[in-house]
Amino acid sequence: MFELASKQAWLGLGGNVGDVEANMASALQMLDANDDIELLKVSPIYKTPPWGVTDQDWFLNGAAKIATRLQPKQLLEVCLAAESALKRQRTIRWGPRSIDVDLLVYEGVEQSTSTLTLPHPRMHERAFVLKPLADIAADLIVYGKSVAEWLSACDVADIEDFPTAQDWYLPKGDA
């Protein structure tokens, strides 16, 4: 674990184009390779129906808890750089994507700027965010309630477990 100066943050990951599981794993590996980020916990992956633009393939979604010495804006830039390295193209809001890495919550920070709102707006209304986040941070307080409480108010009937290894995010073939 990092020095006392580090903060915890929670990320949401997802996508529905290409090898999404591999893209999410690669994004987490890129973040963990940064000297100012330590991967602490990763959720299982879930298969979820599209949200917003519903005429598209289902998504895979997961969540991760990290420790970081980066400030929120810097962490967002690292997340966006990972998306870019994995060929993320932003064409349609809520549309198809190969990878999405969202900064959901940053310990002790509530802010709203033109580039970043924390906690992530609308995350507390979205089962595809809350379901994996509850696996790693059910007691995390967001907008006055725990993640578990927000999740209990969401419809999760269409969310499916996605069969994958427990350590799906680790590099393959490393011994």
N, C-alpha and C. Protein backbone atom coordinates (compact mmCIF):
# COMPACT_ATOMS: atom_id res chain seq x y z
N MET A 1 0.84 -1.18 0.00
CA MET A 1 0.00 0.00 0.00
C MET A 1 0.88 1.24 0.00
N PHE A 2 0.37 2.30 -0.60
CA PHE A 2 1.09 3.57 -0.70
C PHE A 2 1.21 4.27 0.64
N GLU A 3 1.96 5.35 0.61
CA GLU A 3 2.15 6.22 1.76
C GLU A 3 0.81 6.81 2.21
N LEU A 4 0.83 7.52 3.33
CA LEU A 4 -0.38 8.14 3.86
C LEU A 4 -1.00 9.15 2.89
N ALA A 5 -0.21 9.70 1.98
CA ALA A 5 -0.70 10.72 1.06
C ALA A 5 -1.64 10.16 0.00
N SER A 6 -1.77 8.85 -0.08
CA SER A 6 -2.61 8.27 -1.12
C SER A 6 -4.08 8.34 -0.73
N LYS A 7 -4.93 8.28 -1.74
CA LYS A 7 -6.38 8.26 -1.57
C LYS A 7 -6.93 7.02 -2.26
N GLN A 8 -8.10 6.61 -1.87
CA GLN A 8 -8.76 5.52 -2.55
C GLN A 8 -9.73 6.09 -3.58
N ALA A 9 -9.90 5.36 -4.65
CA ALA A 9 -10.85 5.76 -5.69
C ALA A 9 -11.47 4.49 -6.26
N TRP A 10 -12.65 4.65 -6.83
CA TRP A 10 -13.38 3.52 -7.41
C TRP A 10 -13.68 3.83 -8.86
N LEU A 11 -13.46 2.84 -9.71
CA LEU A 11 -13.62 2.99 -11.15
C LEU A 11 -14.69 2.04 -11.66
N GLY A 12 -15.39 2.47 -12.69
CA GLY A 12 -16.31 1.61 -13.42
C GLY A 12 -15.70 1.31 -14.77
N LEU A 13 -15.82 0.08 -15.22
CA LEU A 13 -15.27 -0.32 -16.52
C LEU A 13 -16.36 -1.00 -17.33
N GLY A 14 -16.27 -0.85 -18.65
CA GLY A 14 -17.25 -1.52 -19.48
C GLY A 14 -16.94 -1.38 -20.95
N GLY A 15 -17.78 -2.01 -21.75
CA GLY A 15 -17.68 -1.92 -23.19
C GLY A 15 -18.57 -2.97 -23.83
N ASN A 16 -18.76 -2.83 -25.15
CA ASN A 16 -19.58 -3.81 -25.87
C ASN A 16 -19.12 -4.04 -27.31
N VAL A 17 -17.88 -3.65 -27.61
CA VAL A 17 -17.34 -3.83 -28.96
C VAL A 17 -15.99 -4.54 -28.85
N GLY A 18 -15.81 -5.60 -29.60
CA GLY A 18 -14.53 -6.32 -29.60
C GLY A 18 -14.39 -7.21 -28.39
N ASP A 19 -13.15 -7.48 -28.00
CA ASP A 19 -12.85 -8.33 -26.84
C ASP A 19 -12.85 -7.46 -25.58
N VAL A 20 -14.03 -7.21 -25.07
CA VAL A 20 -14.19 -6.27 -23.96
C VAL A 20 -13.48 -6.76 -22.70
N GLU A 21 -13.58 -8.06 -22.41
CA GLU A 21 -12.89 -8.58 -21.22
C GLU A 21 -11.39 -8.29 -21.31
N ALA A 22 -10.80 -8.53 -22.46
CA ALA A 22 -9.36 -8.26 -22.65
C ALA A 22 -9.08 -6.76 -22.54
N ASN A 23 -9.96 -5.93 -23.09
CA ASN A 23 -9.76 -4.48 -23.01
C ASN A 23 -9.84 -3.99 -21.56
N MET A 24 -10.80 -4.51 -20.81
CA MET A 24 -10.90 -4.10 -19.40
C MET A 24 -9.67 -4.56 -18.62
N ALA A 25 -9.22 -5.79 -18.89
CA ALA A 25 -8.02 -6.29 -18.22
C ALA A 25 -6.80 -5.43 -18.58
N SER A 26 -6.67 -5.09 -19.86
CA SER A 26 -5.54 -4.26 -20.29
C SER A 26 -5.59 -2.88 -19.65
N ALA A 27 -6.78 -2.30 -19.56
CA ALA A 27 -6.91 -0.98 -18.94
C ALA A 27 -6.47 -1.04 -17.48
N LEU A 28 -6.91 -2.07 -16.75
CA LEU A 28 -6.51 -2.20 -15.35
C LEU A 28 -5.01 -2.43 -15.22
N GLN A 29 -4.44 -3.21 -16.13
CA GLN A 29 -2.99 -3.45 -16.09
C GLN A 29 -2.22 -2.16 -16.37
N MET A 30 -2.72 -1.34 -17.30
CA MET A 30 -2.09 -0.04 -17.59
C MET A 30 -2.13 0.86 -16.36
N LEU A 31 -3.29 0.90 -15.71
CA LEU A 31 -3.41 1.74 -14.52
C LEU A 31 -2.49 1.24 -13.42
N ASP A 32 -2.47 -0.07 -13.20
CA ASP A 32 -1.65 -0.64 -12.14
C ASP A 32 -0.15 -0.47 -12.41
N ALA A 33 0.22 -0.34 -13.68
CA ALA A 33 1.63 -0.13 -14.03
C ALA A 33 2.09 1.30 -13.73
N ASN A 34 1.15 2.21 -13.53
CA ASN A 34 1.48 3.59 -13.18
C ASN A 34 2.01 3.61 -11.75
N ASP A 35 3.15 4.26 -11.55
CA ASP A 35 3.78 4.29 -10.22
C ASP A 35 2.91 4.97 -9.17
N ASP A 36 1.91 5.73 -9.57
CA ASP A 36 1.06 6.45 -8.64
C ASP A 36 -0.31 5.80 -8.44
N ILE A 37 -0.47 4.59 -8.93
CA ILE A 37 -1.74 3.87 -8.81
C ILE A 37 -1.46 2.44 -8.38
N GLU A 38 -2.23 1.95 -7.43
CA GLU A 38 -2.15 0.56 -7.00
C GLU A 38 -3.54 -0.04 -7.07
N LEU A 39 -3.68 -1.12 -7.80
CA LEU A 39 -4.94 -1.84 -7.92
C LEU A 39 -5.16 -2.62 -6.62
N LEU A 40 -6.30 -2.38 -5.96
CA LEU A 40 -6.57 -3.01 -4.67
C LEU A 40 -7.59 -4.15 -4.76
N LYS A 41 -8.64 -3.95 -5.55
CA LYS A 41 -9.71 -4.94 -5.60
C LYS A 41 -10.45 -4.79 -6.93
N VAL A 42 -10.86 -5.93 -7.50
CA VAL A 42 -11.57 -5.92 -8.78
C VAL A 42 -12.81 -6.82 -8.67
N SER A 43 -13.90 -6.35 -9.20
CA SER A 43 -15.16 -7.10 -9.17
C SER A 43 -15.17 -8.19 -10.23
N PRO A 44 -16.13 -9.09 -10.12
CA PRO A 44 -16.41 -9.97 -11.26
C PRO A 44 -16.98 -9.13 -12.40
N ILE A 45 -17.12 -9.76 -13.56
CA ILE A 45 -17.70 -9.09 -14.73
C ILE A 45 -19.17 -9.50 -14.85
N TYR A 46 -19.98 -8.54 -15.27
CA TYR A 46 -21.40 -8.81 -15.50
C TYR A 46 -21.76 -8.44 -16.93
N LYS A 47 -22.72 -9.16 -17.48
CA LYS A 47 -23.28 -8.85 -18.79
C LYS A 47 -24.56 -8.05 -18.53
N THR A 48 -24.63 -6.85 -19.13
CA THR A 48 -25.73 -5.94 -18.82
C THR A 48 -26.38 -5.39 -20.09
N PRO A 49 -27.68 -5.13 -20.02
CA PRO A 49 -28.35 -4.57 -21.19
C PRO A 49 -27.87 -3.14 -21.46
N PRO A 50 -27.94 -2.71 -22.71
CA PRO A 50 -27.54 -1.33 -23.03
C PRO A 50 -28.44 -0.33 -22.33
N TRP A 51 -27.87 0.83 -22.06
CA TRP A 51 -28.57 1.90 -21.35
C TRP A 51 -28.46 3.16 -22.20
N GLY A 52 -29.49 3.95 -22.26
CA GLY A 52 -29.44 5.17 -23.07
C GLY A 52 -29.81 4.84 -24.50
N VAL A 53 -28.83 4.46 -25.28
CA VAL A 53 -29.06 3.99 -26.65
C VAL A 53 -29.22 2.47 -26.55
N THR A 54 -30.46 2.00 -26.68
CA THR A 54 -30.73 0.58 -26.40
C THR A 54 -30.60 -0.33 -27.61
N ASP A 55 -30.47 0.23 -28.81
CA ASP A 55 -30.34 -0.57 -30.03
C ASP A 55 -28.86 -0.87 -30.30
N GLN A 56 -28.27 -1.67 -29.43
CA GLN A 56 -26.86 -2.06 -29.56
C GLN A 56 -26.63 -3.32 -28.73
N ASP A 57 -25.45 -3.91 -28.89
CA ASP A 57 -25.12 -5.13 -28.16
C ASP A 57 -25.08 -4.88 -26.65
N TRP A 58 -25.26 -5.96 -25.90
CA TRP A 58 -25.14 -5.88 -24.46
C TRP A 58 -23.70 -5.54 -24.07
N PHE A 59 -23.53 -5.04 -22.87
CA PHE A 59 -22.23 -4.62 -22.36
C PHE A 59 -21.67 -5.64 -21.38
N LEU A 60 -20.37 -5.59 -21.20
CA LEU A 60 -19.72 -6.20 -20.05
C LEU A 60 -19.33 -5.06 -19.14
N ASN A 61 -19.55 -5.24 -17.83
CA ASN A 61 -19.23 -4.19 -16.85
C ASN A 61 -18.53 -4.78 -15.64
N GLY A 62 -17.66 -3.99 -15.07
CA GLY A 62 -16.94 -4.35 -13.85
C GLY A 62 -16.58 -3.10 -13.09
N ALA A 63 -15.94 -3.27 -11.95
CA ALA A 63 -15.51 -2.15 -11.12
C ALA A 63 -14.18 -2.48 -10.48
N ALA A 64 -13.46 -1.44 -10.09
CA ALA A 64 -12.17 -1.63 -9.43
C ALA A 64 -11.98 -0.57 -8.35
N LYS A 65 -11.30 -0.97 -7.31
CA LYS A 65 -10.89 -0.06 -6.23
C LYS A 65 -9.38 0.10 -6.34
N ILE A 66 -8.93 1.34 -6.29
CA ILE A 66 -7.50 1.63 -6.38
C ILE A 66 -7.06 2.54 -5.24
N ALA A 67 -5.78 2.58 -5.01
CA ALA A 67 -5.15 3.61 -4.19
C ALA A 67 -4.34 4.45 -5.16
N THR A 68 -4.32 5.76 -4.95
CA THR A 68 -3.60 6.62 -5.87
C THR A 68 -3.01 7.83 -5.17
N ARG A 69 -1.88 8.29 -5.69
CA ARG A 69 -1.28 9.56 -5.25
C ARG A 69 -1.66 10.68 -6.21
N LEU A 70 -2.39 10.35 -7.27
CA LEU A 70 -2.82 11.34 -8.24
C LEU A 70 -4.03 12.10 -7.74
N GLN A 71 -4.13 13.35 -8.13
CA GLN A 71 -5.33 14.13 -7.87
C GLN A 71 -6.42 13.68 -8.85
N PRO A 72 -7.69 13.97 -8.58
CA PRO A 72 -8.76 13.47 -9.45
C PRO A 72 -8.58 13.80 -10.93
N LYS A 73 -8.23 15.03 -11.25
CA LYS A 73 -8.07 15.40 -12.66
C LYS A 73 -6.95 14.59 -13.31
N GLN A 74 -5.84 14.40 -12.59
CA GLN A 74 -4.74 13.60 -13.13
C GLN A 74 -5.15 12.15 -13.32
N LEU A 75 -5.91 11.61 -12.37
CA LEU A 75 -6.38 10.23 -12.47
C LEU A 75 -7.31 10.08 -13.67
N LEU A 76 -8.20 11.04 -13.86
CA LEU A 76 -9.07 11.02 -15.03
C LEU A 76 -8.25 11.00 -16.32
N GLU A 77 -7.20 11.81 -16.39
CA GLU A 77 -6.34 11.84 -17.58
C GLU A 77 -5.68 10.49 -17.83
N VAL A 78 -5.27 9.79 -16.77
CA VAL A 78 -4.66 8.47 -16.92
C VAL A 78 -5.72 7.47 -17.42
N CYS A 79 -6.94 7.57 -16.90
CA CYS A 79 -8.03 6.68 -17.37
C CYS A 79 -8.33 6.93 -18.84
N LEU A 80 -8.39 8.19 -19.25
CA LEU A 80 -8.66 8.54 -20.65
C LEU A 80 -7.52 8.09 -21.56
N ALA A 81 -6.29 8.16 -21.05
CA ALA A 81 -5.13 7.71 -21.84
C ALA A 81 -5.20 6.19 -22.05
N ALA A 82 -5.65 5.46 -21.05
CA ALA A 82 -5.81 4.01 -21.20
C ALA A 82 -6.88 3.71 -22.25
N GLU A 83 -8.00 4.44 -22.20
CA GLU A 83 -9.03 4.27 -23.22
C GLU A 83 -8.47 4.53 -24.62
N SER A 84 -7.73 5.61 -24.74
CA SER A 84 -7.15 5.98 -26.04
C SER A 84 -6.17 4.91 -26.53
N ALA A 85 -5.34 4.39 -25.64
CA ALA A 85 -4.38 3.35 -26.01
C ALA A 85 -5.09 2.09 -26.50
N LEU A 86 -6.31 1.89 -26.00
CA LEU A 86 -7.10 0.72 -26.40
C LEU A 86 -8.07 1.05 -27.53
N LYS A 87 -7.82 2.17 -28.20
CA LYS A 87 -8.56 2.56 -29.42
C LYS A 87 -10.02 2.93 -29.18
N ARG A 88 -10.33 3.47 -27.99
CA ARG A 88 -11.69 3.94 -27.73
C ARG A 88 -12.01 5.09 -28.68
N GLN A 89 -13.16 5.02 -29.33
CA GLN A 89 -13.63 6.09 -30.20
C GLN A 89 -14.94 6.62 -29.64
N ARG A 90 -15.01 7.92 -29.45
CA ARG A 90 -16.22 8.55 -28.92
C ARG A 90 -17.02 9.09 -30.09
N THR A 91 -18.11 8.39 -30.42
CA THR A 91 -18.93 8.82 -31.55
C THR A 91 -20.35 9.17 -31.11
N ILE A 92 -21.00 8.28 -30.39
CA ILE A 92 -22.38 8.48 -29.95
C ILE A 92 -22.43 8.40 -28.43
N ARG A 93 -23.03 9.42 -27.78
CA ARG A 93 -23.17 9.38 -26.33
C ARG A 93 -23.98 8.14 -25.96
N TRP A 94 -23.49 7.38 -24.99
CA TRP A 94 -24.08 6.14 -24.52
C TRP A 94 -24.11 5.06 -25.60
N GLY A 95 -23.31 5.25 -26.64
CA GLY A 95 -23.29 4.31 -27.74
C GLY A 95 -22.24 3.22 -27.56
N PRO A 96 -22.05 2.42 -28.62
CA PRO A 96 -21.09 1.32 -28.56
C PRO A 96 -19.68 1.82 -28.26
N ARG A 97 -18.91 0.98 -27.56
CA ARG A 97 -17.53 1.34 -27.23
C ARG A 97 -16.72 0.10 -26.92
N SER A 98 -15.43 0.19 -27.22
CA SER A 98 -14.53 -0.93 -26.96
C SER A 98 -14.11 -0.96 -25.49
N ILE A 99 -14.07 0.21 -24.86
CA ILE A 99 -13.66 0.31 -23.45
C ILE A 99 -14.16 1.63 -22.89
N ASP A 100 -14.53 1.58 -21.64
CA ASP A 100 -14.91 2.78 -20.90
C ASP A 100 -14.31 2.63 -19.52
N VAL A 101 -13.59 3.63 -19.07
CA VAL A 101 -13.03 3.64 -17.72
C VAL A 101 -13.51 4.93 -17.06
N ASP A 102 -14.48 4.80 -16.16
CA ASP A 102 -15.07 5.96 -15.49
C ASP A 102 -14.55 6.08 -14.07
N LEU A 103 -14.18 7.29 -13.69
CA LEU A 103 -13.85 7.60 -12.31
C LEU A 103 -15.18 7.84 -11.60
N LEU A 104 -15.56 6.91 -10.72
CA LEU A 104 -16.85 6.97 -10.06
C LEU A 104 -16.81 7.78 -8.77
N VAL A 105 -15.88 7.44 -7.90
CA VAL A 105 -15.77 8.07 -6.59
C VAL A 105 -14.29 8.24 -6.27
N TYR A 106 -13.95 9.40 -5.71
CA TYR A 106 -12.59 9.66 -5.25
C TYR A 106 -12.71 10.06 -3.78
N GLU A 107 -12.03 9.33 -2.93
CA GLU A 107 -12.14 9.52 -1.48
C GLU A 107 -12.05 10.99 -1.07
N GLY A 108 -13.09 11.45 -0.37
CA GLY A 108 -13.08 12.79 0.20
C GLY A 108 -13.35 13.92 -0.77
N VAL A 109 -13.68 13.62 -2.01
CA VAL A 109 -13.85 14.68 -3.01
C VAL A 109 -15.28 14.69 -3.55
N GLU A 110 -15.89 15.86 -3.46
CA GLU A 110 -17.14 16.15 -4.15
C GLU A 110 -16.87 17.39 -4.97
N GLN A 111 -17.05 17.29 -6.28
CA GLN A 111 -16.77 18.42 -7.15
C GLN A 111 -17.59 18.32 -8.42
N SER A 112 -17.76 19.46 -9.06
CA SER A 112 -18.42 19.50 -10.36
C SER A 112 -17.73 20.56 -11.19
N THR A 113 -16.98 20.10 -12.19
CA THR A 113 -16.31 21.00 -13.11
C THR A 113 -16.78 20.66 -14.52
N SER A 114 -16.28 21.40 -15.48
CA SER A 114 -16.66 21.12 -16.87
C SER A 114 -16.15 19.77 -17.36
N THR A 115 -15.12 19.23 -16.70
CA THR A 115 -14.53 17.97 -17.15
C THR A 115 -14.75 16.79 -16.22
N LEU A 116 -15.13 17.06 -14.95
CA LEU A 116 -15.23 15.96 -14.00
C LEU A 116 -16.21 16.29 -12.87
N THR A 117 -17.17 15.39 -12.67
CA THR A 117 -18.08 15.49 -11.54
C THR A 117 -17.88 14.27 -10.67
N LEU A 118 -17.67 14.52 -9.38
CA LEU A 118 -17.48 13.44 -8.40
C LEU A 118 -18.39 13.66 -7.21
N PRO A 119 -19.04 12.60 -6.74
CA PRO A 119 -19.14 11.30 -7.37
C PRO A 119 -19.75 11.40 -8.77
N HIS A 120 -19.54 10.36 -9.56
CA HIS A 120 -20.03 10.33 -10.93
C HIS A 120 -21.55 10.56 -10.94
N PRO A 121 -22.02 11.49 -11.75
CA PRO A 121 -23.47 11.76 -11.78
C PRO A 121 -24.23 10.55 -12.32
N ARG A 122 -25.36 10.30 -11.77
CA ARG A 122 -26.28 9.24 -12.20
C ARG A 122 -25.78 7.83 -11.90
N MET A 123 -24.58 7.68 -11.32
CA MET A 123 -24.10 6.32 -11.02
C MET A 123 -25.04 5.61 -10.07
N HIS A 124 -25.67 6.36 -9.19
CA HIS A 124 -26.55 5.78 -8.18
C HIS A 124 -27.90 5.32 -8.76
N GLU A 125 -28.12 5.60 -10.04
CA GLU A 125 -29.35 5.19 -10.72
C GLU A 125 -29.11 4.02 -11.69
N ARG A 126 -27.87 3.61 -11.83
CA ARG A 126 -27.51 2.66 -12.88
C ARG A 126 -27.07 1.33 -12.31
N ALA A 127 -27.91 0.32 -12.50
CA ALA A 127 -27.60 -1.01 -11.98
C ALA A 127 -26.30 -1.56 -12.54
N PHE A 128 -25.99 -1.23 -13.81
CA PHE A 128 -24.76 -1.76 -14.42
C PHE A 128 -23.51 -1.21 -13.76
N VAL A 129 -23.62 -0.08 -13.07
CA VAL A 129 -22.50 0.47 -12.29
C VAL A 129 -22.53 -0.10 -10.88
N LEU A 130 -23.71 -0.10 -10.28
CA LEU A 130 -23.85 -0.47 -8.87
C LEU A 130 -23.61 -1.96 -8.60
N LYS A 131 -24.04 -2.83 -9.51
CA LYS A 131 -23.90 -4.28 -9.27
C LYS A 131 -22.44 -4.69 -9.08
N PRO A 132 -21.53 -4.37 -10.01
CA PRO A 132 -20.14 -4.74 -9.76
C PRO A 132 -19.51 -3.93 -8.62
N LEU A 133 -19.90 -2.67 -8.49
CA LEU A 133 -19.34 -1.84 -7.41
C LEU A 133 -19.72 -2.41 -6.04
N ALA A 134 -20.93 -2.94 -5.92
CA ALA A 134 -21.37 -3.52 -4.64
C ALA A 134 -20.52 -4.73 -4.25
N ASP A 135 -19.96 -5.43 -5.22
CA ASP A 135 -19.11 -6.58 -4.93
C ASP A 135 -17.82 -6.18 -4.22
N ILE A 136 -17.38 -4.97 -4.45
CA ILE A 136 -16.09 -4.53 -3.86
C ILE A 136 -16.24 -3.38 -2.87
N ALA A 137 -17.44 -2.75 -2.82
CA ALA A 137 -17.60 -1.57 -1.97
C ALA A 137 -19.07 -1.36 -1.59
N ALA A 138 -19.71 -2.40 -1.09
CA ALA A 138 -21.14 -2.31 -0.77
C ALA A 138 -21.46 -1.22 0.25
N ASP A 139 -20.53 -0.94 1.16
CA ASP A 139 -20.76 0.05 2.21
C ASP A 139 -20.30 1.45 1.85
N LEU A 140 -19.74 1.63 0.66
CA LEU A 140 -19.29 2.95 0.22
C LEU A 140 -20.48 3.90 0.15
N ILE A 141 -20.36 5.05 0.76
CA ILE A 141 -21.45 6.03 0.77
C ILE A 141 -21.33 6.94 -0.45
N VAL A 142 -22.42 7.01 -1.21
CA VAL A 142 -22.50 7.86 -2.41
C VAL A 142 -23.84 8.59 -2.34
N TYR A 143 -23.79 9.89 -2.41
CA TYR A 143 -25.02 10.69 -2.37
C TYR A 143 -25.89 10.31 -1.17
N GLY A 144 -25.26 10.11 -0.02
CA GLY A 144 -25.99 9.91 1.23
C GLY A 144 -26.46 8.51 1.53
N LYS A 145 -26.24 7.55 0.64
CA LYS A 145 -26.63 6.16 0.87
C LYS A 145 -25.49 5.24 0.47
N SER A 146 -25.52 4.02 1.00
CA SER A 146 -24.50 3.05 0.61
C SER A 146 -24.78 2.54 -0.81
N VAL A 147 -23.75 2.04 -1.44
CA VAL A 147 -23.90 1.43 -2.76
C VAL A 147 -24.94 0.31 -2.69
N ALA A 148 -24.91 -0.48 -1.63
CA ALA A 148 -25.88 -1.58 -1.48
C ALA A 148 -27.31 -1.04 -1.41
N GLU A 149 -27.51 0.07 -0.71
CA GLU A 149 -28.85 0.66 -0.63
C GLU A 149 -29.32 1.15 -2.00
N TRP A 150 -28.45 1.83 -2.72
CA TRP A 150 -28.81 2.29 -4.07
C TRP A 150 -29.13 1.10 -4.96
N LEU A 151 -28.31 0.05 -4.87
CA LEU A 151 -28.52 -1.13 -5.71
C LEU A 151 -29.87 -1.78 -5.42
N SER A 152 -30.27 -1.81 -4.15
CA SER A 152 -31.54 -2.45 -3.79
C SER A 152 -32.74 -1.75 -4.43
N ALA A 153 -32.56 -0.50 -4.85
CA ALA A 153 -33.65 0.24 -5.50
C ALA A 153 -33.63 0.11 -7.02
N CYS A 154 -32.65 -0.60 -7.55
CA CYS A 154 -32.51 -0.75 -9.00
C CYS A 154 -33.05 -2.09 -9.48
N ASP A 155 -33.43 -2.12 -10.73
CA ASP A 155 -33.86 -3.36 -11.38
C ASP A 155 -32.62 -4.09 -11.90
N VAL A 156 -32.34 -5.23 -11.32
CA VAL A 156 -31.16 -6.01 -11.73
C VAL A 156 -31.56 -7.31 -12.43
N ALA A 157 -32.83 -7.44 -12.76
CA ALA A 157 -33.35 -8.70 -13.33
C ALA A 157 -32.62 -9.12 -14.60
N ASP A 158 -32.21 -8.17 -15.43
CA ASP A 158 -31.57 -8.51 -16.70
C ASP A 158 -30.06 -8.62 -16.61
N ILE A 159 -29.47 -8.35 -15.47
CA ILE A 159 -28.02 -8.45 -15.33
C ILE A 159 -27.62 -9.90 -15.12
N GLU A 160 -26.64 -10.34 -15.91
CA GLU A 160 -26.21 -11.73 -15.87
C GLU A 160 -24.75 -11.83 -15.42
N ASP A 161 -24.44 -12.90 -14.68
CA ASP A 161 -23.04 -13.19 -14.38
C ASP A 161 -22.35 -13.50 -15.70
N PHE A 162 -21.10 -13.06 -15.83
CA PHE A 162 -20.33 -13.36 -17.03
C PHE A 162 -19.25 -14.36 -16.62
N PRO A 163 -19.24 -15.53 -17.26
CA PRO A 163 -18.29 -16.56 -16.85
C PRO A 163 -16.85 -16.17 -17.19
N THR A 164 -16.06 -16.02 -16.16
CA THR A 164 -14.65 -15.67 -16.34
C THR A 164 -13.88 -16.09 -15.10
N ALA A 165 -12.59 -16.11 -15.21
CA ALA A 165 -11.74 -16.48 -14.07
C ALA A 165 -11.80 -15.39 -13.00
N GLN A 166 -11.58 -15.78 -11.76
CA GLN A 166 -11.58 -14.82 -10.65
C GLN A 166 -10.51 -13.76 -10.85
N ASP A 167 -9.39 -14.12 -11.44
CA ASP A 167 -8.28 -13.19 -11.67
C ASP A 167 -8.23 -12.73 -13.13
N TRP A 168 -9.39 -12.50 -13.72
CA TRP A 168 -9.53 -12.17 -15.14
C TRP A 168 -8.71 -10.95 -15.55
N TYR A 169 -8.40 -10.10 -14.65
CA TYR A 169 -7.72 -8.83 -14.94
C TYR A 169 -6.19 -8.94 -14.90
N LEU A 170 -5.66 -10.08 -14.48
CA LEU A 170 -4.21 -10.24 -14.40
C LEU A 170 -3.64 -10.63 -15.76
N PRO A 171 -2.39 -10.26 -16.02
CA PRO A 171 -1.76 -10.65 -17.31
C PRO A 171 -1.77 -12.16 -17.47
N LYS A 172 -2.06 -12.62 -18.65
CA LYS A 172 -2.09 -14.06 -18.95
C LYS A 172 -0.67 -14.57 -19.18
N GLY A 173 -0.41 -15.75 -18.65
CA GLY A 173 0.88 -16.39 -18.89
C GLY A 173 2.00 -15.95 -18.00
N ASP A 174 1.74 -15.02 -17.06
CA ASP A 174 2.80 -14.62 -16.12
C ASP A 174 2.90 -15.64 -15.01
N ALA A 175 4.12 -16.07 -14.72
CA ALA A 175 4.31 -17.05 -13.65
C ALA A 175 5.21 -16.50 -12.59
